[in-house]
């Protein structure tokens, strides 16, 4: 098995998941904004 299969779980990132999780922060203001708001706007299209 690969590292990712052994050590990680994958799922959909949606508004409900974001509302019940700690905010995503990577240290880049633009990426933080994308994952906080813009990603959901794109998924609605």
PDB file of N, CA and C in Angstrom:
ATOM      1  N   UNK A   1       0.842  -1.195   0.000  1.00  0.00           N
ATOM      2  CA  UNK A   1       0.000   0.000   0.000  1.00  0.00           C
ATOM      3  C   UNK A   1       0.883   1.254   0.000  1.00  0.00           C
ATOM      4  N   UNK A   2       0.311   2.316  -0.484  1.00  0.00           N
ATOM      5  CA  UNK A   2       1.063   3.566  -0.527  1.00  0.00           C
ATOM      6  C   UNK A   2       0.867   4.350   0.767  1.00  0.00           C
ATOM      7  N   UNK A   3       1.716   5.309   0.977  1.00  0.00           N
ATOM      8  CA  UNK A   3       1.634   6.140   2.176  1.00  0.00           C
ATOM      9  C   UNK A   3       0.268   6.807   2.310  1.00  0.00           C
ATOM     10  N   UNK A   4      -0.218   7.422   1.220  1.00  0.00           N
ATOM     11  CA  UNK A   4      -1.505   8.114   1.302  1.00  0.00           C
ATOM     12  C   UNK A   4      -2.649   7.162   1.626  1.00  0.00           C
ATOM     13  N   UNK A   5      -2.644   5.986   1.039  1.00  0.00           N
ATOM     14  CA  UNK A   5      -3.702   5.020   1.333  1.00  0.00           C
ATOM     15  C   UNK A   5      -3.628   4.546   2.781  1.00  0.00           C
ATOM     16  N   UNK A   6      -2.440   4.424   3.303  1.00  0.00           N
ATOM     17  CA  UNK A   6      -2.268   3.946   4.678  1.00  0.00           C
ATOM     18  C   UNK A   6      -2.505   5.018   5.731  1.00  0.00           C
ATOM     19  N   UNK A   7      -2.165   6.251   5.430  1.00  0.00           N
ATOM     20  CA  UNK A   7      -2.136   7.297   6.447  1.00  0.00           C
ATOM     21  C   UNK A   7      -3.221   8.360   6.335  1.00  0.00           C
ATOM     22  N   UNK A   8      -3.973   8.355   5.246  1.00  0.00           N
ATOM     23  CA  UNK A   8      -4.919   9.449   5.009  1.00  0.00           C
ATOM     24  C   UNK A   8      -6.314   8.925   4.705  1.00  0.00           C
ATOM     25  N   UNK A   9      -7.267   9.775   4.942  1.00  0.00           N
ATOM     26  CA  UNK A   9      -8.624   9.479   4.478  1.00  0.00           C
ATOM     27  C   UNK A   9      -9.040  10.620   3.561  1.00  0.00           C
ATOM     28  N   UNK A  10      -9.861  10.301   2.601  1.00  0.00           N
ATOM     29  CA  UNK A  10     -10.280  11.283   1.620  1.00  0.00           C
ATOM     30  C   UNK A  10     -11.792  11.402   1.644  1.00  0.00           C
ATOM     31  N   UNK A  11     -12.276  12.596   1.411  1.00  0.00           N
ATOM     32  CA  UNK A  11     -13.712  12.826   1.361  1.00  0.00           C
ATOM     33  C   UNK A  11     -14.005  14.130   0.655  1.00  0.00           C
ATOM     34  N   UNK A  12     -15.268  14.399   0.500  1.00  0.00           N
ATOM     35  CA  UNK A  12     -15.678  15.645  -0.142  1.00  0.00           C
ATOM     36  C   UNK A  12     -15.550  16.792   0.838  1.00  0.00           C
ATOM     37  N   UNK A  13     -15.040  17.912   0.342  1.00  0.00           N
ATOM     38  CA  UNK A  13     -14.962  19.139   1.129  1.00  0.00           C
ATOM     39  C   UNK A  13     -16.131  19.999   0.704  1.00  0.00           C
ATOM     40  N   UNK A  14     -17.082  20.185   1.597  1.00  0.00           N
ATOM     41  CA  UNK A  14     -18.259  20.972   1.276  1.00  0.00           C
ATOM     42  C   UNK A  14     -18.525  21.974   2.399  1.00  0.00           C
ATOM     43  N   UNK A  15     -19.540  22.773   2.236  1.00  0.00           N
ATOM     44  CA  UNK A  15     -19.849  23.824   3.214  1.00  0.00           C
ATOM     45  C   UNK A  15     -20.123  23.220   4.593  1.00  0.00           C
ATOM     46  N   UNK A  16     -20.850  22.118   4.645  1.00  0.00           N
ATOM     47  CA  UNK A  16     -21.153  21.476   5.932  1.00  0.00           C
ATOM     48  C   UNK A  16     -19.872  21.035   6.641  1.00  0.00           C
ATOM     49  N   UNK A  17     -18.957  20.415   5.890  1.00  0.00           N
ATOM     50  CA  UNK A  17     -17.678  19.986   6.467  1.00  0.00           C
ATOM     51  C   UNK A  17     -16.881  21.197   6.960  1.00  0.00           C
ATOM     52  N   UNK A  18     -16.869  22.256   6.185  1.00  0.00           N
ATOM     53  CA  UNK A  18     -16.126  23.458   6.561  1.00  0.00           C
ATOM     54  C   UNK A  18     -16.716  24.112   7.814  1.00  0.00           C
ATOM     55  N   UNK A  19     -18.033  24.111   7.919  1.00  0.00           N
ATOM     56  CA  UNK A  19     -18.694  24.743   9.065  1.00  0.00           C
ATOM     57  C   UNK A  19     -18.466  23.989  10.368  1.00  0.00           C
ATOM     58  N   UNK A  20     -18.135  22.704  10.274  1.00  0.00           N
ATOM     59  CA  UNK A  20     -17.939  21.901  11.484  1.00  0.00           C
ATOM     60  C   UNK A  20     -16.469  21.586  11.740  1.00  0.00           C
ATOM     61  N   UNK A  21     -15.565  22.201  10.976  1.00  0.00           N
ATOM     62  CA  UNK A  21     -14.128  21.943  11.118  1.00  0.00           C
ATOM     63  C   UNK A  21     -13.402  23.228  11.488  1.00  0.00           C
ATOM     64  N   UNK A  22     -12.174  23.064  11.947  1.00  0.00           N
ATOM     65  CA  UNK A  22     -11.327  24.236  12.160  1.00  0.00           C
ATOM     66  C   UNK A  22     -11.051  24.878  10.809  1.00  0.00           C
ATOM     67  N   UNK A  23     -10.879  26.188  10.764  1.00  0.00           N
ATOM     68  CA  UNK A  23     -10.588  26.850   9.479  1.00  0.00           C
ATOM     69  C   UNK A  23      -9.267  26.360   8.885  1.00  0.00           C
ATOM     70  N   UNK A  24      -9.243  26.253   7.555  1.00  0.00           N
ATOM     71  CA  UNK A  24      -8.020  25.884   6.849  1.00  0.00           C
ATOM     72  C   UNK A  24      -7.119  27.097   6.775  1.00  0.00           C
ATOM     73  N   UNK A  25      -5.888  26.955   7.212  1.00  0.00           N
ATOM     74  CA  UNK A  25      -4.903  28.034   7.122  1.00  0.00           C
ATOM     75  C   UNK A  25      -3.604  27.451   6.611  1.00  0.00           C
ATOM     76  N   UNK A  26      -3.097  28.023   5.511  1.00  0.00           N
ATOM     77  CA  UNK A  26      -1.810  27.555   4.990  1.00  0.00           C
ATOM     78  C   UNK A  26      -0.753  28.650   5.044  1.00  0.00           C
ATOM     79  N   UNK A  27      -1.144  29.855   5.453  1.00  0.00           N
ATOM     80  CA  UNK A  27      -0.182  30.948   5.533  1.00  0.00           C
ATOM     81  C   UNK A  27      -0.171  31.851   4.316  1.00  0.00           C
ATOM     82  N   UNK A  28      -0.928  31.497   3.295  1.00  0.00           N
ATOM     83  CA  UNK A  28      -1.047  32.322   2.096  1.00  0.00           C
ATOM     84  C   UNK A  28      -2.465  32.895   2.095  1.00  0.00           C
ATOM     85  N   UNK A  29      -2.590  34.206   2.218  1.00  0.00           N
ATOM     86  CA  UNK A  29      -3.903  34.838   2.348  1.00  0.00           C
ATOM     87  C   UNK A  29      -4.839  34.496   1.191  1.00  0.00           C
ATOM     88  N   UNK A  30      -4.303  34.437  -0.013  1.00  0.00           N
ATOM     89  CA  UNK A  30      -5.129  34.143  -1.185  1.00  0.00           C
ATOM     90  C   UNK A  30      -5.677  32.711  -1.132  1.00  0.00           C
ATOM     91  N   UNK A  31      -4.836  31.744  -0.805  1.00  0.00           N
ATOM     92  CA  UNK A  31      -5.303  30.359  -0.689  1.00  0.00           C
ATOM     93  C   UNK A  31      -6.255  30.176   0.485  1.00  0.00           C
ATOM     94  N   UNK A  32      -5.972  30.838   1.604  1.00  0.00           N
ATOM     95  CA  UNK A  32      -6.883  30.766   2.749  1.00  0.00           C
ATOM     96  C   UNK A  32      -8.269  31.278   2.363  1.00  0.00           C
ATOM     97  N   UNK A  33      -8.326  32.381   1.638  1.00  0.00           N
ATOM     98  CA  UNK A  33      -9.599  32.945   1.171  1.00  0.00           C
ATOM     99  C   UNK A  33     -10.309  31.985   0.221  1.00  0.00           C
ATOM    100  N   UNK A  34      -9.550  31.364  -0.666  1.00  0.00           N
ATOM    101  CA  UNK A  34     -10.145  30.411  -1.605  1.00  0.00           C
ATOM    102  C   UNK A  34     -10.836  29.280  -0.860  1.00  0.00           C
ATOM    103  N   UNK A  35     -10.147  28.652   0.081  1.00  0.00           N
ATOM    104  CA  UNK A  35     -10.733  27.511   0.786  1.00  0.00           C
ATOM    105  C   UNK A  35     -11.821  27.922   1.769  1.00  0.00           C
ATOM    106  N   UNK A  36     -11.818  29.179   2.202  1.00  0.00           N
ATOM    107  CA  UNK A  36     -12.858  29.652   3.108  1.00  0.00           C
ATOM    108  C   UNK A  36     -14.137  30.010   2.357  1.00  0.00           C
ATOM    109  N   UNK A  37     -14.024  30.594   1.162  1.00  0.00           N
ATOM    110  CA  UNK A  37     -15.205  31.089   0.448  1.00  0.00           C
ATOM    111  C   UNK A  37     -15.296  30.671  -1.014  1.00  0.00           C
ATOM    112  N   UNK A  38     -14.238  30.926  -1.773  1.00  0.00           N
ATOM    113  CA  UNK A  38     -14.304  30.800  -3.226  1.00  0.00           C
ATOM    114  C   UNK A  38     -14.519  29.368  -3.717  1.00  0.00           C
ATOM    115  N   UNK A  39     -13.999  28.380  -3.006  1.00  0.00           N
ATOM    116  CA  UNK A  39     -14.161  26.987  -3.440  1.00  0.00           C
ATOM    117  C   UNK A  39     -15.637  26.614  -3.523  1.00  0.00           C
ATOM    118  N   UNK A  40     -16.436  27.138  -2.615  1.00  0.00           N
ATOM    119  CA  UNK A  40     -17.863  26.818  -2.607  1.00  0.00           C
ATOM    120  C   UNK A  40     -18.608  27.512  -3.739  1.00  0.00           C
ATOM    121  N   UNK A  41     -18.147  28.684  -4.116  1.00  0.00           N
ATOM    122  CA  UNK A  41     -18.743  29.382  -5.244  1.00  0.00           C
ATOM    123  C   UNK A  41     -18.514  28.593  -6.528  1.00  0.00           C
ATOM    124  N   UNK A  42     -17.334  28.025  -6.693  1.00  0.00           N
ATOM    125  CA  UNK A  42     -17.030  27.231  -7.891  1.00  0.00           C
ATOM    126  C   UNK A  42     -17.810  25.934  -7.918  1.00  0.00           C
ATOM    127  N   UNK A  43     -18.039  25.333  -6.772  1.00  0.00           N
ATOM    128  CA  UNK A  43     -18.771  24.066  -6.754  1.00  0.00           C
ATOM    129  C   UNK A  43     -20.249  24.265  -7.069  1.00  0.00           C
ATOM    130  N   UNK A  44     -20.765  25.473  -6.891  1.00  0.00           N
ATOM    131  CA  UNK A  44     -22.167  25.763  -7.202  1.00  0.00           C
ATOM    132  C   UNK A  44     -22.398  25.961  -8.695  1.00  0.00           C
ATOM    133  N   UNK A  45     -21.327  26.176  -9.460  1.00  0.00           N
ATOM    134  CA  UNK A  45     -21.463  26.426 -10.898  1.00  0.00           C
ATOM    135  C   UNK A  45     -21.719  25.153 -11.666  1.00  0.00           C
TER     136      UNK A  45
END
